[in-house]
Amino acid sequence: MKTDTQLQQDVMAELAWEPSVNAAQIGVEVKDGVVTLAGHVGSFVEKWEAERAAQRVSGLKGLAVEMDVTLPGSSKRNDVDIARSARSVLEWTSSSPQHEITVMVEAGWITLTGEVDWEYQRQAAARAIRGLMGVTGVSNQIALKPNVSMMPVKSDIEAALKRRIHSDARHIVVGVQGTAVTLTGTVRSWSDLDSARNSAWSTPGVRSVADNLTVVY
């Protein structure tokens, strides 16, 4: 198991390795395996990439993000321009049904609402507008449409876990109540944690996923 000092060094190295992140602007603190990222970044997408970089490091038990997005003068835009750009991008994103998504912008922060059929469509919409100039944050509040014909989701998810999880999928317990799925147990890495979430969300009929998994190294 890594010490806090080792974990801090690894996170700093991973941030320096990530080309889309200015690591010199980000401070890293670690206590009991929980990493805190602080500082100022020049765009929301840089903040997002810094979070993802930290999560790639093994031994991380938790992540607190205290970074601020400070836009340079050339990147500042008014909310109307940002909303128009977001609308245009969604119209050109084939996996995102743009007519069912509403875009609201306040102080550069975009909130997406509406309903779509699949979780990947929710993710595609947020991914499409995350890197727009002037964006300071994104709240993805898009909901999934109810599916009246629920398939045997428990067995489907368990089968997907066996295909995708690098560590032993038997340590993950899948609970299903209506259209809600609960994942409990342990995984060996953050990538396995992401795979478990995606497996649950990719199952037809699932409207919510409660992630109670713990990363154990």
Protein backbone atom coordinates (compact mmCIF):
# COMPACT_ATOMS: atom_id res chain seq x y z
CA MET A 1 0.00 0.00 0.00
CA LYS A 2 1.32 3.45 -0.90
CA THR A 3 2.14 6.04 1.71
CA ASP A 4 0.58 9.49 1.42
CA THR A 5 3.92 10.85 0.24
CA GLN A 6 4.22 8.23 -2.50
CA LEU A 7 0.64 8.85 -3.60
CA GLN A 8 1.25 12.59 -3.72
CA GLN A 9 4.35 12.13 -5.85
CA ASP A 10 2.51 9.78 -8.23
CA VAL A 11 -0.43 12.17 -8.66
CA MET A 12 1.92 15.09 -9.32
CA ALA A 13 3.80 13.00 -11.87
CA GLU A 14 0.58 11.96 -13.61
CA LEU A 15 -0.58 15.58 -13.78
CA ALA A 16 2.79 16.57 -15.28
CA TRP A 17 2.47 13.70 -17.78
CA GLU A 18 -1.00 14.84 -18.95
CA PRO A 19 -0.40 17.29 -21.84
CA SER A 20 -3.77 19.06 -21.46
CA VAL A 21 -2.99 20.09 -17.87
CA ASN A 22 -0.69 22.83 -16.57
CA ALA A 23 0.55 20.93 -13.51
CA ALA A 24 2.46 23.94 -12.19
CA GLN A 25 -0.87 25.63 -11.39
CA ILE A 26 -2.26 22.70 -9.37
CA GLY A 27 -1.39 21.84 -5.78
CA VAL A 28 -1.71 18.26 -4.52
CA GLU A 29 -2.30 17.31 -0.89
CA VAL A 30 -2.88 13.79 0.43
CA LYS A 31 -4.18 12.58 3.77
CA ASP A 32 -5.10 8.96 4.51
CA GLY A 33 -5.19 8.15 0.80
CA VAL A 34 -7.59 11.01 -0.05
CA VAL A 35 -6.18 13.40 -2.64
CA THR A 36 -7.08 17.10 -2.74
CA LEU A 37 -6.45 19.10 -5.91
CA ALA A 38 -6.32 22.87 -5.46
CA GLY A 39 -5.32 25.88 -7.53
CA HIS A 40 -6.46 27.72 -10.65
CA VAL A 41 -6.90 26.37 -14.17
CA GLY A 42 -7.60 28.19 -17.40
CA SER A 43 -10.61 26.17 -18.59
CA PHE A 44 -13.23 23.74 -17.39
CA VAL A 45 -11.91 20.99 -19.66
CA GLU A 46 -8.47 21.35 -18.03
CA LYS A 47 -10.11 20.94 -14.63
CA TRP A 48 -11.90 17.85 -15.91
CA GLU A 49 -8.70 16.34 -17.33
CA ALA A 50 -6.85 17.00 -14.05
CA GLU A 51 -9.53 15.08 -12.15
CA ARG A 52 -9.31 12.18 -14.58
CA ALA A 53 -5.51 12.14 -14.37
CA ALA A 54 -5.60 11.90 -10.57
CA GLN A 55 -8.14 9.08 -10.71
CA ARG A 56 -5.82 7.04 -12.92
CA VAL A 57 -3.26 6.74 -10.11
CA SER A 58 -3.42 3.48 -8.16
CA GLY A 59 -3.82 3.68 -4.38
CA LEU A 60 -6.18 6.67 -4.46
CA LYS A 61 -9.04 6.20 -1.97
CA GLY A 62 -10.87 9.46 -2.59
CA LEU A 63 -10.63 12.74 -4.48
CA ALA A 64 -11.55 16.27 -3.38
CA VAL A 65 -11.51 18.98 -6.04
CA GLU A 66 -10.95 22.57 -4.93
CA MET A 67 -9.74 23.98 -8.24
CA ASP A 68 -11.17 27.21 -9.64
CA VAL A 69 -11.64 27.95 -13.34
CA THR A 70 -10.12 31.36 -14.04
CA LEU A 71 -10.69 32.22 -17.68
CA PRO A 72 -8.10 34.36 -19.47
CA GLY A 73 -9.45 37.55 -21.01
CA SER A 74 -9.53 36.10 -24.53
CA SER A 75 -11.70 33.16 -23.38
CA LYS A 76 -14.41 35.15 -21.63
CA ARG A 77 -17.80 35.13 -23.37
CA ASN A 78 -21.28 36.18 -22.38
CA ASP A 79 -23.89 33.58 -21.47
CA VAL A 80 -25.92 34.12 -24.65
CA ASP A 81 -22.93 33.30 -26.87
CA ILE A 82 -22.11 30.22 -24.80
CA ALA A 83 -25.71 28.99 -24.96
CA ARG A 84 -25.80 29.43 -28.75
CA SER A 85 -22.52 27.56 -29.15
CA ALA A 86 -23.72 24.73 -26.92
CA ARG A 87 -26.94 24.47 -28.90
CA SER A 88 -25.01 24.32 -32.17
CA VAL A 89 -22.61 21.67 -30.89
CA LEU A 90 -25.46 19.47 -29.68
CA GLU A 91 -27.13 19.75 -33.08
CA TRP A 92 -23.97 18.35 -34.67
CA THR A 93 -23.57 15.54 -32.12
CA SER A 94 -25.22 12.49 -33.71
CA SER A 95 -25.43 10.47 -30.49
CA SER A 96 -27.24 13.26 -28.64
CA PRO A 97 -30.94 13.92 -29.42
CA GLN A 98 -30.62 17.72 -29.30
CA HIS A 99 -34.34 18.44 -29.53
CA GLU A 100 -34.88 16.73 -26.17
CA ILE A 101 -32.16 18.65 -24.32
CA THR A 102 -32.44 22.15 -22.86
CA VAL A 103 -29.37 24.35 -22.35
CA MET A 104 -29.21 26.96 -19.58
CA VAL A 105 -26.15 29.14 -18.88
CA GLU A 106 -25.37 31.32 -15.87
CA ALA A 107 -21.97 32.98 -15.38
CA GLY A 108 -20.47 30.49 -17.83
CA TRP A 109 -21.88 27.47 -16.01
CA ILE A 110 -23.95 25.24 -18.32
CA THR A 111 -26.87 23.19 -16.99
CA LEU A 112 -28.32 20.51 -19.25
CA THR A 113 -31.86 19.25 -18.67
CA GLY A 114 -34.35 17.10 -20.57
CA GLU A 115 -34.85 13.37 -21.21
CA VAL A 116 -33.00 10.85 -23.37
CA ASP A 117 -33.27 7.10 -23.87
CA TRP A 118 -29.75 6.02 -22.93
CA GLU A 119 -27.01 6.92 -20.45
CA TYR A 120 -24.43 7.18 -23.24
CA GLN A 121 -26.55 9.98 -24.73
CA ARG A 122 -26.38 11.87 -21.41
CA GLN A 123 -22.62 11.49 -21.37
CA ALA A 124 -22.24 12.46 -25.03
CA ALA A 125 -24.15 15.71 -24.48
CA ALA A 126 -21.94 16.76 -21.57
CA ARG A 127 -18.78 15.71 -23.39
CA ALA A 128 -19.76 17.74 -26.47
CA ILE A 129 -20.04 21.06 -24.62
CA ARG A 130 -17.36 20.57 -21.95
CA GLY A 131 -14.56 22.09 -24.02
CA LEU A 132 -16.40 25.16 -25.33
CA MET A 133 -14.61 28.47 -24.83
CA GLY A 134 -15.96 30.42 -21.86
CA VAL A 135 -17.42 27.43 -19.99
CA THR A 136 -16.68 27.43 -16.25
CA GLY A 137 -18.62 24.29 -15.32
CA VAL A 138 -21.20 21.74 -16.46
CA SER A 139 -24.16 20.28 -14.55
CA ASN A 140 -25.65 17.29 -16.34
CA GLN A 141 -29.24 17.01 -15.11
CA ILE A 142 -30.55 15.13 -18.15
CA ALA A 143 -32.87 12.32 -17.06
CA LEU A 144 -33.48 8.94 -18.65
CA LYS A 145 -36.90 8.14 -20.07
CA PRO A 146 -38.79 5.37 -18.28
CA ASN A 147 -38.70 1.98 -19.98
CA VAL A 148 -41.95 0.06 -19.45
CA SER A 149 -40.37 -3.26 -20.36
CA MET A 150 -37.58 -3.98 -17.87
CA MET A 151 -35.33 -6.83 -18.92
CA PRO A 152 -33.71 -9.18 -16.38
CA VAL A 153 -31.18 -6.48 -15.59
CA LYS A 154 -29.45 -8.24 -12.71
CA SER A 155 -28.22 -11.15 -14.83
CA ASP A 156 -27.37 -8.83 -17.74
CA ILE A 157 -25.25 -6.57 -15.54
CA GLU A 158 -23.49 -9.49 -13.87
CA ALA A 159 -22.65 -10.95 -17.28
CA ALA A 160 -21.28 -7.56 -18.41
CA LEU A 161 -19.17 -7.29 -15.26
CA LYS A 162 -17.57 -10.68 -15.92
CA ARG A 163 -16.64 -9.52 -19.43
CA ARG A 164 -15.26 -6.13 -18.47
CA ILE A 165 -13.81 -6.17 -14.95
CA HIS A 166 -10.10 -6.94 -14.81
CA SER A 167 -10.28 -8.01 -11.17
CA ASP A 168 -12.67 -10.61 -9.77
CA ALA A 169 -16.26 -9.54 -10.57
CA ARG A 170 -17.54 -11.88 -7.86
CA HIS A 171 -16.71 -9.20 -5.30
CA ILE A 172 -19.39 -6.93 -6.79
CA VAL A 173 -22.99 -7.38 -5.66
CA VAL A 174 -25.72 -6.14 -7.99
CA GLY A 175 -29.02 -5.09 -6.44
CA VAL A 176 -32.05 -4.22 -8.58
CA GLN A 177 -35.27 -2.59 -7.47
CA GLY A 178 -37.52 -1.49 -10.30
CA THR A 179 -35.38 0.65 -12.60
CA ALA A 180 -32.79 1.41 -9.91
CA VAL A 181 -29.50 -0.49 -9.61
CA THR A 182 -27.22 -0.58 -6.57
CA LEU A 183 -23.61 -1.73 -6.80
CA THR A 184 -21.84 -2.78 -3.60
CA GLY A 185 -18.60 -4.57 -2.85
CA THR A 186 -14.99 -3.97 -3.86
CA VAL A 187 -12.89 -3.43 -6.99
CA ARG A 188 -9.13 -3.27 -7.46
CA SER A 189 -8.80 -0.04 -9.46
CA TRP A 190 -10.58 3.14 -10.55
CA SER A 191 -10.76 1.77 -14.10
CA ASP A 192 -12.67 -1.26 -12.79
CA LEU A 193 -14.92 1.13 -10.87
CA ASP A 194 -15.70 3.02 -14.09
CA SER A 195 -16.31 -0.27 -15.92
CA ALA A 196 -18.76 -1.39 -13.25
CA ARG A 197 -20.71 1.88 -13.45
CA ASN A 198 -20.78 1.81 -17.23
CA SER A 199 -21.94 -1.81 -17.24
CA ALA A 200 -24.91 -0.89 -15.07
CA TRP A 201 -25.76 2.25 -17.03
CA SER A 202 -25.50 0.42 -20.37
CA THR A 203 -28.25 -2.03 -19.45
CA PRO A 204 -31.65 -1.28 -21.07
CA GLY A 205 -34.25 0.05 -18.63
CA VAL A 206 -31.87 1.30 -15.93
CA ARG A 207 -32.70 4.84 -14.80
CA SER A 208 -30.44 5.26 -11.77
CA VAL A 209 -27.26 3.67 -10.44
CA ALA A 210 -26.16 3.93 -6.81
CA ASP A 211 -22.42 3.32 -6.63
CA ASN A 212 -21.43 1.97 -3.21
CA LEU A 213 -18.26 0.29 -4.45
CA THR A 214 -14.94 0.63 -2.63
CA VAL A 215 -11.54 0.59 -4.30
CA VAL A 216 -9.26 -1.83 -2.44
CA TYR A 217 -5.62 -2.22 -3.46
